[in-house]
Structures are given as structure tokens and as C-alpha cells.
Amino acid sequence: MTALLAFLPILVVGVLLVGFRLPASRVMPVSYLVAAGLALFVWQVPVAKVAAASIKGLTVTVQLLYIIFGAILLLNTLKHSGALAVIRNGFTNISADRRVQVIIIAWLFGAFIEGAAGFGTPAAVTVPLMVGLGFPALAAVVAGMIIQSTPVSFGAVGTPILVGVNKGLDGDEAVQTAIAEMGLGHWEGFLAFVGFKVALLHAIVGTLIPLLLVVFMTRFFGKNKSVREGLAAWPFALFASFALTVPYVLVAGFLGPEF
């Protein structure tokens, strides 16, 4: 029962956004009121703590909005400066093979955009590029969503780790105890540990994503509807996966999540 009550604010968001199709500007305040009400009347959290948590949430939101503003600014700059057209022509000149194009644009370029801007920007940039190159619209959208996996935990210059983990767990007594027991010494060491473990997990799974992406394209959108044609691109797919995942793990381990 406690778990269901804790899940209620998220459920409210899902029902109102998807079921009733209300705008987020109306849904999120309702979700906040539900969460605050549960904290006050179910878990008997003091009003001062609820108010403090609300203020902290506002400060984190301002940081996220600042990053989102930068992502939108980057996207619009690319559009209005003509850079997107130049990038599109560049990808066309690399190869006419759709299998190569989807890996380079969706997997490699999409991961780069995710790391720089985050917040779904890769889909906003790569999908129009792929459609402009002649990919079916549905194929471009699905490809843009598939790659939103490996790079997302370090999107927007490491925001999920630096903001999500840092702001969410900092000061928690249980976490501080775990840090001491693990011998990490300090909070920065804990963040580095989490970043490396997350990168390692994503890298293991991400090794197969380019190949799965190509197989998906050839099976459902290729001329011959063939899985074999997608599997035939395994050398380049594996090369592309290692070209991303190996530096991905090394950078997370030695430089940190923001890099």
C-alpha cells in the first residue's frame, strides 16, 4: 500500500497527460499537490521539511530549464544558420548505404547531440535529417528513440548524474554510511563510482544496439524485408558500437560524468 501511494503522483501525471491529454503546465501542479498532500497527511512530514523540499525542487528546476534553454538555442541556431543542411549533405556524401547512414546519424551523431544537449534533442535533430535523406518517417522516429538508451545517463553534460544523483542523494545518511563502508572517502568519489558503473552497464548493452538498429531497419523498412541484410552489416555495426562505448567507459572512469 505504501508503494502504491508513493507511485500515485507519477500515476496522476500519466493519466492526466496521456488519458486526458491535459497540458503539462496544468498536470505538474496537480502532481505536486498530490505529492505534498501525501507527505503531509500520510507520512506526517513536517510542513517545514515539505516547504524546504519544494524550494530545493524549484532550484533544481531552474538549473534544468537553463540546460533545456541551451539545447533549444543550439537546435534553432543549427536550423537558422543553415548548419543542418550542411550536416545533411555531409552525411549523404559519406555513404549511400542506408545501414551505414542510420548508424552514423542515429547512433553516433545522436549520441553526440545527447551528450551536448540532452532532453530529447537527438530526436529533434536526427529524425529530420534522416527523413531528409529519404528514410520513412516512422523508421526515422523509431531509430531516434532506439538510440535514446546508451548515452542518456550522461546527457546534457552529465545532468542525470550530476543533478539527479548529486542533488537527490547528497546528505542522505544511508548513502554516507555506504560511502564509508565502500572506502570511497568522499562524495566526489561516490559520484565517480556511480558514473563508472553506469557507463559500464550502458556500454555492455550498447555494444549490440547499432546491429539491432540496422536489423530493425532492414526487416521492417527495407526493400526485401530481410533480417539477413541487417546482420550482414555486423562488422561496421560492431566497429561503431566500440567506437562509442570504449571511450565512453574510459572517459566516465578517468574524467567524470560531465565529460
C-alpha atoms as a PDB file:
ATOM      1  CA  MET A   1       0.000   0.000   0.000  1.00  0.00           C
ATOM      2  CA  THR A   2       2.820   2.390   0.849  1.00  0.00           C
ATOM      3  CA  ALA A   3       4.469   1.731  -2.518  1.00  0.00           C
ATOM      4  CA  LEU A   4       1.205   2.416  -4.344  1.00  0.00           C
ATOM      5  CA  LEU A   5       0.758   5.708  -2.518  1.00  0.00           C
ATOM      6  CA  ALA A   6       4.336   6.707  -3.339  1.00  0.00           C
ATOM      7  CA  PHE A   7       3.643   5.910  -7.006  1.00  0.00           C
ATOM      8  CA  LEU A   8       0.427   7.949  -7.035  1.00  0.00           C
ATOM      9  CA  PRO A   9       1.946  11.321  -8.147  1.00  0.00           C
ATOM     10  CA  ILE A  10       3.579   9.622 -11.147  1.00  0.00           C
ATOM     11  CA  LEU A  11       0.336   7.797 -11.928  1.00  0.00           C
ATOM     12  CA  VAL A  12      -1.553  11.085 -11.837  1.00  0.00           C
ATOM     13  CA  VAL A  13       0.881  12.563 -14.362  1.00  0.00           C
ATOM     14  CA  GLY A  14       0.480   9.576 -16.691  1.00  0.00           C
ATOM     15  CA  VAL A  15      -3.310   9.545 -16.504  1.00  0.00           C
ATOM     16  CA  LEU A  16      -3.749  13.280 -16.985  1.00  0.00           C
ATOM     17  CA  LEU A  17      -1.128  13.651 -19.721  1.00  0.00           C
ATOM     18  CA  VAL A  18      -1.935  10.523 -21.728  1.00  0.00           C
ATOM     19  CA  GLY A  19      -5.512   9.751 -20.755  1.00  0.00           C
ATOM     20  CA  PHE A  20      -6.994  13.248 -20.580  1.00  0.00           C
ATOM     21  CA  ARG A  21      -4.364  14.926 -22.776  1.00  0.00           C
ATOM     22  CA  LEU A  22      -4.029  17.914 -20.494  1.00  0.00           C
ATOM     23  CA  PRO A  23      -1.020  20.231 -20.889  1.00  0.00           C
ATOM     24  CA  ALA A  24       1.964  19.694 -18.604  1.00  0.00           C
ATOM     25  CA  SER A  25       1.555  23.222 -17.241  1.00  0.00           C
ATOM     26  CA  ARG A  26      -1.691  22.059 -15.598  1.00  0.00           C
ATOM     27  CA  VAL A  27      -0.734  18.478 -14.814  1.00  0.00           C
ATOM     28  CA  MET A  28       2.514  19.114 -12.936  1.00  0.00           C
ATOM     29  CA  PRO A  29       0.994  21.420 -10.276  1.00  0.00           C
ATOM     30  CA  VAL A  30      -1.674  18.765  -9.639  1.00  0.00           C
ATOM     31  CA  SER A  31       1.032  16.124  -9.243  1.00  0.00           C
ATOM     32  CA  TYR A  32       2.909  18.409  -6.849  1.00  0.00           C
ATOM     33  CA  LEU A  33      -0.188  18.917  -4.716  1.00  0.00           C
ATOM     34  CA  VAL A  34      -0.754  15.149  -4.578  1.00  0.00           C
ATOM     35  CA  ALA A  35       2.863  14.534  -3.532  1.00  0.00           C
ATOM     36  CA  ALA A  36       2.776  17.306  -0.934  1.00  0.00           C
ATOM     37  CA  GLY A  37      -0.555  16.068   0.413  1.00  0.00           C
ATOM     38  CA  LEU A  38       0.773  12.531   0.786  1.00  0.00           C
ATOM     39  CA  ALA A  39       3.873  13.818   2.564  1.00  0.00           C
ATOM     40  CA  LEU A  40       1.854  15.934   4.988  1.00  0.00           C
ATOM     41  CA  PHE A  41      -1.115  13.708   5.763  1.00  0.00           C
ATOM     42  CA  VAL A  42       0.074  10.142   5.108  1.00  0.00           C
ATOM     43  CA  TRP A  43       3.715  10.187   6.154  1.00  0.00           C
ATOM     44  CA  GLN A  44       3.307  13.069   8.624  1.00  0.00           C
ATOM     45  CA  VAL A  45       6.284  15.012   7.260  1.00  0.00           C
ATOM     46  CA  PRO A  46       6.655  18.398   8.979  1.00  0.00           C
ATOM     47  CA  VAL A  47       5.455  21.397   6.995  1.00  0.00           C
ATOM     48  CA  ALA A  48       8.905  22.981   7.203  1.00  0.00           C
ATOM     49  CA  LYS A  49      10.521  19.969   5.508  1.00  0.00           C
ATOM     50  CA  VAL A  50       7.905  19.906   2.758  1.00  0.00           C
ATOM     51  CA  ALA A  51       8.469  23.619   2.159  1.00  0.00           C
ATOM     52  CA  ALA A  52      12.251  23.151   2.125  1.00  0.00           C
ATOM     53  CA  ALA A  53      11.971  20.251  -0.328  1.00  0.00           C
ATOM     54  CA  SER A  54       9.707  22.365  -2.547  1.00  0.00           C
ATOM     55  CA  ILE A  55      12.216  25.217  -2.607  1.00  0.00           C
ATOM     56  CA  LYS A  56      15.021  22.787  -3.397  1.00  0.00           C
ATOM     57  CA  GLY A  57      12.910  21.367  -6.223  1.00  0.00           C
ATOM     58  CA  LEU A  58      12.468  24.853  -7.657  1.00  0.00           C
ATOM     59  CA  THR A  59      16.216  25.486  -7.640  1.00  0.00           C
ATOM     60  CA  VAL A  60      16.877  22.181  -9.416  1.00  0.00           C
ATOM     61  CA  THR A  61      14.151  23.036 -11.934  1.00  0.00           C
ATOM     62  CA  VAL A  62      15.819  26.356 -12.710  1.00  0.00           C
ATOM     63  CA  GLN A  63      19.085  24.520 -13.416  1.00  0.00           C
ATOM     64  CA  LEU A  64      17.312  22.078 -15.736  1.00  0.00           C
ATOM     65  CA  LEU A  65      15.466  24.860 -17.550  1.00  0.00           C
ATOM     66  CA  TYR A  66      18.787  26.608 -18.115  1.00  0.00           C
ATOM     67  CA  ILE A  67      20.146  23.450 -19.763  1.00  0.00           C
ATOM     68  CA  ILE A  68      16.975  22.967 -21.828  1.00  0.00           C
ATOM     69  CA  PHE A  69      17.220  26.589 -22.974  1.00  0.00           C
ATOM     70  CA  GLY A  70      20.735  25.867 -24.222  1.00  0.00           C
ATOM     71  CA  ALA A  71      19.530  22.758 -26.057  1.00  0.00           C
ATOM     72  CA  ILE A  72      16.729  24.649 -27.806  1.00  0.00           C
ATOM     73  CA  LEU A  73      19.098  27.504 -28.613  1.00  0.00           C
ATOM     74  CA  LEU A  74      21.551  25.028 -30.171  1.00  0.00           C
ATOM     75  CA  LEU A  75      18.817  23.412 -32.266  1.00  0.00           C
ATOM     76  CA  ASN A  76      17.445  26.721 -33.549  1.00  0.00           C
ATOM     77  CA  THR A  77      20.949  28.013 -34.266  1.00  0.00           C
ATOM     78  CA  LEU A  78      21.625  24.933 -36.390  1.00  0.00           C
ATOM     79  CA  LYS A  79      18.347  25.425 -38.237  1.00  0.00           C
ATOM     80  CA  HIS A  80      18.550  29.142 -38.971  1.00  0.00           C
ATOM     81  CA  SER A  81      22.266  29.210 -39.754  1.00  0.00           C
ATOM     82  CA  GLY A  82      21.876  26.501 -42.383  1.00  0.00           C
ATOM     83  CA  ALA A  83      24.151  24.143 -40.469  1.00  0.00           C
ATOM     84  CA  LEU A  84      21.552  21.361 -40.536  1.00  0.00           C
ATOM     85  CA  ALA A  85      21.527  21.440 -44.328  1.00  0.00           C
ATOM     86  CA  VAL A  86      25.322  21.265 -44.412  1.00  0.00           C
ATOM     87  CA  ILE A  87      25.303  18.347 -41.980  1.00  0.00           C
ATOM     88  CA  ARG A  88      22.657  16.572 -44.076  1.00  0.00           C
ATOM     89  CA  ASN A  89      24.753  16.937 -47.228  1.00  0.00           C
ATOM     90  CA  GLY A  90      27.816  15.705 -45.383  1.00  0.00           C
ATOM     91  CA  PHE A  91      26.076  12.530 -44.261  1.00  0.00           C
ATOM     92  CA  THR A  92      24.842  11.904 -47.802  1.00  0.00           C
ATOM     93  CA  ASN A  93      28.387  12.107 -49.153  1.00  0.00           C
ATOM     94  CA  ILE A  94      29.736   9.592 -46.628  1.00  0.00           C
ATOM     95  CA  SER A  95      27.727   6.652 -47.940  1.00  0.00           C
ATOM     96  CA  ALA A  96      24.568   5.896 -49.881  1.00  0.00           C
ATOM     97  CA  ASP A  97      24.056   2.690 -47.865  1.00  0.00           C
ATOM     98  CA  ARG A  98      21.060   3.164 -45.574  1.00  0.00           C
ATOM     99  CA  ARG A  99      22.597   0.812 -42.999  1.00  0.00           C
ATOM    100  CA  VAL A 100      25.687   2.973 -42.706  1.00  0.00           C
ATOM    101  CA  GLN A 101      23.640   6.165 -42.655  1.00  0.00           C
ATOM    102  CA  VAL A 102      21.367   5.058 -39.819  1.00  0.00           C
ATOM    103  CA  ILE A 103      24.347   4.054 -37.667  1.00  0.00           C
ATOM    104  CA  ILE A 104      26.261   7.270 -38.282  1.00  0.00           C
ATOM    105  CA  ILE A 105      23.295   9.611 -37.918  1.00  0.00           C
ATOM    106  CA  ALA A 106      21.164   7.951 -35.239  1.00  0.00           C
ATOM    107  CA  TRP A 107      23.813   6.145 -33.181  1.00  0.00           C
ATOM    108  CA  LEU A 108      26.972   8.251 -33.405  1.00  0.00           C
ATOM    109  CA  PHE A 109      25.672  11.737 -34.179  1.00  0.00           C
ATOM    110  CA  GLY A 110      22.619  11.203 -31.964  1.00  0.00           C
ATOM    111  CA  ALA A 111      24.829  10.187 -29.037  1.00  0.00           C
ATOM    112  CA  PHE A 112      26.958  13.296 -29.542  1.00  0.00           C
ATOM    113  CA  ILE A 113      23.898  15.564 -29.514  1.00  0.00           C
ATOM    114  CA  GLU A 114      22.556  13.788 -26.419  1.00  0.00           C
ATOM    115  CA  GLY A 115      25.816  14.375 -24.575  1.00  0.00           C
ATOM    116  CA  ALA A 116      25.906  18.042 -25.540  1.00  0.00           C
ATOM    117  CA  ALA A 117      22.251  18.980 -25.134  1.00  0.00           C
ATOM    118  CA  GLY A 118      20.182  16.059 -23.812  1.00  0.00           C
ATOM    119  CA  PHE A 119      16.435  16.253 -23.131  1.00  0.00           C
ATOM    120  CA  GLY A 120      15.359  14.566 -26.365  1.00  0.00           C
ATOM    121  CA  THR A 121      17.338  16.891 -28.614  1.00  0.00           C
ATOM    122  CA  PRO A 122      18.821  13.960 -30.632  1.00  0.00           C
ATOM    123  CA  ALA A 123      15.342  13.025 -31.821  1.00  0.00           C
ATOM    124  CA  ALA A 124      14.622  16.635 -32.772  1.00  0.00           C
ATOM    125  CA  VAL A 125      17.850  16.817 -34.793  1.00  0.00           C
ATOM    126  CA  THR A 126      18.448  13.336 -36.214  1.00  0.00           C
ATOM    127  CA  VAL A 127      14.870  12.478 -37.214  1.00  0.00           C
ATOM    128  CA  PRO A 128      14.503  15.420 -39.647  1.00  0.00           C
ATOM    129  CA  LEU A 129      17.972  14.616 -41.008  1.00  0.00           C
ATOM    130  CA  MET A 130      17.002  11.021 -41.709  1.00  0.00           C
ATOM    131  CA  VAL A 131      13.668  11.987 -43.252  1.00  0.00           C
ATOM    132  CA  GLY A 132      15.506  14.478 -45.451  1.00  0.00           C
ATOM    133  CA  LEU A 133      17.783  11.675 -46.619  1.00  0.00           C
ATOM    134  CA  GLY A 134      14.790   9.588 -47.685  1.00  0.00           C
ATOM    135  CA  PHE A 135      14.131   7.399 -44.654  1.00  0.00           C
ATOM    136  CA  PRO A 136      10.459   6.610 -43.950  1.00  0.00           C
ATOM    137  CA  ALA A 137       9.170   8.926 -41.232  1.00  0.00           C
ATOM    138  CA  LEU A 138       8.258   6.073 -38.875  1.00  0.00           C
ATOM    139  CA  ALA A 139      11.669   4.445 -39.349  1.00  0.00           C
ATOM    140  CA  ALA A 140      13.416   7.724 -38.555  1.00  0.00           C
ATOM    141  CA  VAL A 141      11.349   8.273 -35.411  1.00  0.00           C
ATOM    142  CA  VAL A 142      11.869   4.739 -34.099  1.00  0.00           C
ATOM    143  CA  ALA A 143      15.612   4.887 -34.831  1.00  0.00           C
ATOM    144  CA  GLY A 144      15.821   8.176 -32.961  1.00  0.00           C
ATOM    145  CA  MET A 145      14.098   6.566 -29.980  1.00  0.00           C
ATOM    146  CA  ILE A 146      16.183   3.369 -30.004  1.00  0.00           C
ATOM    147  CA  ILE A 147      19.441   5.245 -29.520  1.00  0.00           C
ATOM    148  CA  GLN A 148      17.977   7.099 -26.535  1.00  0.00           C
ATOM    149  CA  SER A 149      19.468   4.408 -24.340  1.00  0.00           C
ATOM    150  CA  THR A 150      23.244   4.230 -24.016  1.00  0.00           C
ATOM    151  CA  PRO A 151      24.037   7.979 -23.940  1.00  0.00           C
ATOM    152  CA  VAL A 152      21.105   9.213 -21.860  1.00  0.00           C
ATOM    153  CA  SER A 153      22.635   8.802 -18.390  1.00  0.00           C
ATOM    154  CA  PHE A 154      25.315  11.324 -19.358  1.00  0.00           C
ATOM    155  CA  GLY A 155      23.084  13.582 -21.437  1.00  0.00           C
ATOM    156  CA  ALA A 156      23.324  17.372 -21.211  1.00  0.00           C
ATOM    157  CA  VAL A 157      26.884  17.235 -19.879  1.00  0.00           C
ATOM    158  CA  GLY A 158      26.185  14.601 -17.234  1.00  0.00           C
ATOM    159  CA  THR A 159      22.974  16.107 -15.850  1.00  0.00           C
ATOM    160  CA  PRO A 160      21.364  12.783 -14.753  1.00  0.00           C
ATOM    161  CA  ILE A 161      24.423  12.011 -12.610  1.00  0.00           C
ATOM    162  CA  LEU A 162      25.451  15.495 -11.515  1.00  0.00           C
ATOM    163  CA  VAL A 163      21.912  16.700 -10.826  1.00  0.00           C
ATOM    164  CA  GLY A 164      19.898  13.504 -10.369  1.00  0.00           C
ATOM    165  CA  VAL A 165      22.307  11.590  -8.145  1.00  0.00           C
ATOM    166  CA  ASN A 166      24.102  14.579  -6.651  1.00  0.00           C
ATOM    167  CA  LYS A 167      21.014  16.579  -5.693  1.00  0.00           C
ATOM    168  CA  GLY A 168      18.889  13.530  -4.954  1.00  0.00           C
ATOM    169  CA  LEU A 169      21.229  11.644  -2.617  1.00  0.00           C
ATOM    170  CA  ASP A 170      23.543  14.297  -1.206  1.00  0.00           C
ATOM    171  CA  GLY A 171      23.271  14.431   2.572  1.00  0.00           C
ATOM    172  CA  ASP A 172      21.425  11.124   2.919  1.00  0.00           C
ATOM    173  CA  GLU A 173      22.762   9.330   5.991  1.00  0.00           C
ATOM    174  CA  ALA A 174      22.391   5.858   4.479  1.00  0.00           C
ATOM    175  CA  VAL A 175      24.389   6.937   1.435  1.00  0.00           C
ATOM    176  CA  GLN A 176      27.097   8.489   3.600  1.00  0.00           C
ATOM    177  CA  THR A 177      27.335   5.232   5.555  1.00  0.00           C
ATOM    178  CA  ALA A 178      27.615   3.246   2.332  1.00  0.00           C
ATOM    179  CA  ILE A 179      30.358   5.571   1.066  1.00  0.00           C
ATOM    180  CA  ALA A 180      32.344   4.998   4.249  1.00  0.00           C
ATOM    181  CA  GLU A 181      31.853   1.219   4.086  1.00  0.00           C
ATOM    182  CA  MET A 182      32.952   1.116   0.434  1.00  0.00           C
ATOM    183  CA  GLY A 183      36.066   3.133   1.222  1.00  0.00           C
ATOM    184  CA  LEU A 184      35.304   5.830  -1.352  1.00  0.00           C
ATOM    185  CA  GLY A 185      36.345   8.538   1.072  1.00  0.00           C
ATOM    186  CA  HIS A 186      34.261  11.479  -0.127  1.00  0.00           C
ATOM    187  CA  TRP A 187      31.162  12.413  -2.097  1.00  0.00           C
ATOM    188  CA  GLU A 188      33.046  13.134  -5.328  1.00  0.00           C
ATOM    189  CA  GLY A 189      34.478   9.629  -5.178  1.00  0.00           C
ATOM    190  CA  PHE A 190      30.964   8.230  -4.855  1.00  0.00           C
ATOM    191  CA  LEU A 191      29.778  10.200  -7.906  1.00  0.00           C
ATOM    192  CA  ALA A 192      32.756   8.928  -9.899  1.00  0.00           C
ATOM    193  CA  PHE A 193      31.987   5.362  -8.782  1.00  0.00           C
ATOM    194  CA  VAL A 194      28.327   5.649  -9.811  1.00  0.00           C
ATOM    195  CA  GLY A 195      29.274   7.236 -13.140  1.00  0.00           C
ATOM    196  CA  PHE A 196      31.729   4.461 -13.977  1.00  0.00           C
ATOM    197  CA  LYS A 197      29.283   1.688 -13.062  1.00  0.00           C
ATOM    198  CA  VAL A 198      26.513   3.300 -15.099  1.00  0.00           C
ATOM    199  CA  ALA A 199      28.843   3.729 -18.078  1.00  0.00           C
ATOM    200  CA  LEU A 200      29.972   0.110 -17.853  1.00  0.00           C
ATOM    201  CA  LEU A 201      26.393  -1.175 -17.764  1.00  0.00           C
ATOM    202  CA  HIS A 202      25.330   1.000 -20.699  1.00  0.00           C
ATOM    203  CA  ALA A 203      28.421   0.031 -22.679  1.00  0.00           C
ATOM    204  CA  ILE A 204      27.717  -3.689 -22.329  1.00  0.00           C
ATOM    205  CA  VAL A 205      24.161  -3.267 -23.579  1.00  0.00           C
ATOM    206  CA  GLY A 206      25.123  -0.601 -26.111  1.00  0.00           C
ATOM    207  CA  THR A 207      27.524  -2.925 -27.903  1.00  0.00           C
ATOM    208  CA  LEU A 208      24.585  -4.578 -29.673  1.00  0.00           C
ATOM    209  CA  ILE A 209      22.394  -1.535 -30.245  1.00  0.00           C
ATOM    210  CA  PRO A 210      23.846  -0.479 -33.653  1.00  0.00           C
ATOM    211  CA  LEU A 211      23.383  -4.014 -35.004  1.00  0.00           C
ATOM    212  CA  LEU A 212      19.841  -4.221 -33.633  1.00  0.00           C
ATOM    213  CA  LEU A 213      19.149  -0.811 -35.144  1.00  0.00           C
ATOM    214  CA  VAL A 214      20.267  -1.942 -38.588  1.00  0.00           C
ATOM    215  CA  VAL A 215      18.366  -5.242 -38.372  1.00  0.00           C
ATOM    216  CA  PHE A 216      15.245  -3.354 -37.389  1.00  0.00           C
ATOM    217  CA  MET A 217      15.608  -1.044 -40.391  1.00  0.00           C
ATOM    218  CA  THR A 218      16.164  -3.813 -42.951  1.00  0.00           C
ATOM    219  CA  ARG A 219      13.490  -6.106 -41.524  1.00  0.00           C
ATOM    220  CA  PHE A 220      10.627  -3.632 -41.296  1.00  0.00           C
ATOM    221  CA  PHE A 221      11.553  -0.878 -43.743  1.00  0.00           C
ATOM    222  CA  GLY A 222      13.998  -2.463 -46.182  1.00  0.00           C
ATOM    223  CA  LYS A 223      13.090  -3.315 -49.754  1.00  0.00           C
ATOM    224  CA  ASN A 224      13.406  -7.058 -49.140  1.00  0.00           C
ATOM    225  CA  LYS A 225      12.169  -7.081 -45.514  1.00  0.00           C
ATOM    226  CA  SER A 226      15.272  -9.068 -44.635  1.00  0.00           C
ATOM    227  CA  VAL A 227      16.962  -9.676 -41.295  1.00  0.00           C
ATOM    228  CA  ARG A 228      19.973 -11.150 -43.077  1.00  0.00           C
ATOM    229  CA  GLU A 229      20.723  -7.871 -44.858  1.00  0.00           C
ATOM    230  CA  GLY A 230      20.934  -6.151 -41.497  1.00  0.00           C
ATOM    231  CA  LEU A 231      23.138  -8.848 -39.987  1.00  0.00           C
ATOM    232  CA  ALA A 232      25.473  -8.534 -42.975  1.00  0.00           C
ATOM    233  CA  ALA A 233      26.472  -5.105 -41.675  1.00  0.00           C
ATOM    234  CA  TRP A 234      27.800  -6.560 -38.393  1.00  0.00           C
ATOM    235  CA  PRO A 235      31.471  -5.536 -38.930  1.00  0.00           C
ATOM    236  CA  PHE A 236      30.614  -1.849 -39.267  1.00  0.00           C
ATOM    237  CA  ALA A 237      27.935  -2.071 -36.571  1.00  0.00           C
ATOM    238  CA  LEU A 238      30.368  -3.542 -34.045  1.00  0.00           C
ATOM    239  CA  PHE A 239      33.053  -1.039 -35.023  1.00  0.00           C
ATOM    240  CA  ALA A 240      30.578   1.806 -34.478  1.00  0.00           C
ATOM    241  CA  SER A 241      29.498   0.398 -31.133  1.00  0.00           C
ATOM    242  CA  PHE A 242      33.073   0.049 -29.855  1.00  0.00           C
ATOM    243  CA  ALA A 243      33.957   3.485 -31.251  1.00  0.00           C
ATOM    244  CA  LEU A 244      31.402   4.893 -28.822  1.00  0.00           C
ATOM    245  CA  THR A 245      31.357   2.532 -25.842  1.00  0.00           C
ATOM    246  CA  VAL A 246      35.118   2.163 -25.279  1.00  0.00           C
ATOM    247  CA  PRO A 247      35.855   5.925 -24.989  1.00  0.00           C
ATOM    248  CA  TYR A 248      32.523   6.226 -23.157  1.00  0.00           C
ATOM    249  CA  VAL A 249      33.687   3.959 -20.317  1.00  0.00           C
ATOM    250  CA  LEU A 250      37.225   5.359 -20.218  1.00  0.00           C
ATOM    251  CA  VAL A 251      36.072   8.968 -20.039  1.00  0.00           C
ATOM    252  CA  ALA A 252      33.489   8.172 -17.353  1.00  0.00           C
ATOM    253  CA  GLY A 253      36.118   6.338 -15.321  1.00  0.00           C
ATOM    254  CA  PHE A 254      39.009   8.784 -15.599  1.00  0.00           C
ATOM    255  CA  LEU A 255      37.447  12.204 -16.260  1.00  0.00           C
ATOM    256  CA  GLY A 256      33.955  12.075 -14.790  1.00  0.00           C
ATOM    257  CA  PRO A 257      30.296  12.155 -15.884  1.00  0.00           C
ATOM    258  CA  GLU A 258      30.366  15.751 -17.124  1.00  0.00           C
ATOM    259  CA  PHE A 259      32.818  14.823 -19.892  1.00  0.00           C
END
